[in-house]
Amino acid sequence: MENEETKVMIGLEIHAYLDTKSKLFCSCPTNVNESKPNSLCCPVCLGHPGSKPVLNEKAVELGTKVGLALNCKINQDFFFSRKTYFYPDMSANYQITQYEIPLAGKGFVELGDKKITIRRAHLEIDPAALIHPSGMGQSNYVLIDYNRSGLPLIEIVTEPDLTTPDEAREFLITLENILSYLLVLKPETTLKADCNISINGGNRVEIKNISGFANAKKALTYEIKRQINETKLGKTIEQHTRAYNQETNTTIPLRKKETEEDYGYIFDPDLVKVNLTDEYLNKIKSSMPELPKEKIVRFIKEYNLSEYDAKVLCSDFELSNLFETIVKKGASPKITNQILTREFLSILNHDSLNFNQVKINETDIFDLVKLIESEKVSDKNVKESMINYISGDKTSPKSYLEKNNLLVDTTIDLDSIVISVIDANPKAKEDYKNGNEKTLNFLAGQIMRQTKGSAQIDKVLEKLKEKIN
């Protein structure tokens, strides 16, 4: 999207729910999806006068881990501010957040050879949920559920270092992977991004609350084209806020963009300055888990994987754990990697599934790998058993292969079958002798058909070469 005529600048503000049992400033539980509307509220959640917020220590711990993982400087002395705005989802008319001194800042995330600068990572409360019964813009009234109000969020803000929608999508995927390794995200929640974009040094336009990495890419792609078309017509891009419409893949104007000064930030008088001691910070640093970059290096060294394969495995926390669990049971790292990165991921991509939507038992994959190691199953039947395991009746690969007689039949007289196929195809035999390698695959296909896929393709090719020569 960036060329000689158009310079694109993209910055992201990402909100992630932290996995705590109680809200950021009160003891109300955070299991809002399992509860009736407005049943998990208290005077602090609702911002009642005289209510006193108390900071959740667990949220600070998780937020600090995020800051460290993003290579940020941790501010050991920080405090909270009130961001004042008037909107139905904020009953106190202000949001408790961090502005002047956040928990962390001045970090970076690596995308290949490029570093995307993290301006800040700070803690804040989530507002309430507005519910439009007939859809936004179509409902005659709006409902408010304050259960969500007060949930602990970490907001991660980048500098405008991203230059294409694809790069923004890659950053979001990379960030979510880092957060999943940290085990800080509240289960069954997704990252939400506000995308800020400008072209050719013009005013910044913000697209609010985008869920899903593909949607972020689509929204940015549309917005770049829209801004280019506007400037071609001689119009000036005004600073404002827009929303993304998933159904039409377009952005629509919401309101004029406020400046930071418009929010009238003040220190929250009900909350004291927080001091993180050296001892506390060192304790968190020592508890930091292995992150994707470190795991990639270890997988290459420990399991003799290629850099590409190690990166694919470590691109998903659960996938990398599955690989290591299977290998530690005694399976071949090479074959386990092939099953997971070639067969498993290709099926997921074909069916538009993600890892969390599929139940995989490590024992089932281990048994399949051991069958491959002992040369008891052909590549074709491995693929067939995996497709059935993920998208079919979910029978374990081993059971499926046994039930359908798809394991290698050691009683087959492979030599006789190979000779008969060669004799039945003399032209193919001569073509191969004359240098046409493709005819070998044709002959192998005939043999595999006769053996119903129960022969090893490597052995079939080996036998063919031996008998033809």
Foldseek 3Di string as FASTA:
>chain_A
DDDPVKFKFKKKKKKFFFADQAFAFDRFGQPVVVDDFQPRDDCVLLQPPPDFTDGDVVLLLLLLLLQVLQAWDADQKAAWKWQAADDVQRNNRTWIWGDPDFRTAQGWDDDDPDTWGWGGKHKIWDTWDKAAPVDPPPHPDIDTGSSRRRGIMIIIITGRPDGALVSQLVVLLQSVLQSVQQVTGHPPDFMWMWMWMDMPPAAIEIEGTDTDSVLSRLAVVQVVVVVVVCVVVVHGDAYAYWYADPVVSYIGGDGHDDDSVVRVMDGDPSIDIHGQDPVNSVVSVVVGGDGLVNQLVCCCVVQVDDSVLSNQQSSHPVSVVLLVVLVVVPFRSVLSSCCCRPQVVVLCVVVVHDPVVFDDDSVLSSVVRVLVVVQFAAPVLSNVLNNCCGPNPVPRSVVVCVVVVGTADPVDPLLVLLVVLCVVCVVLLVVVVVPDPVSLVVSLVVSCVVRVRNHYSVVSSVSNVVVSD
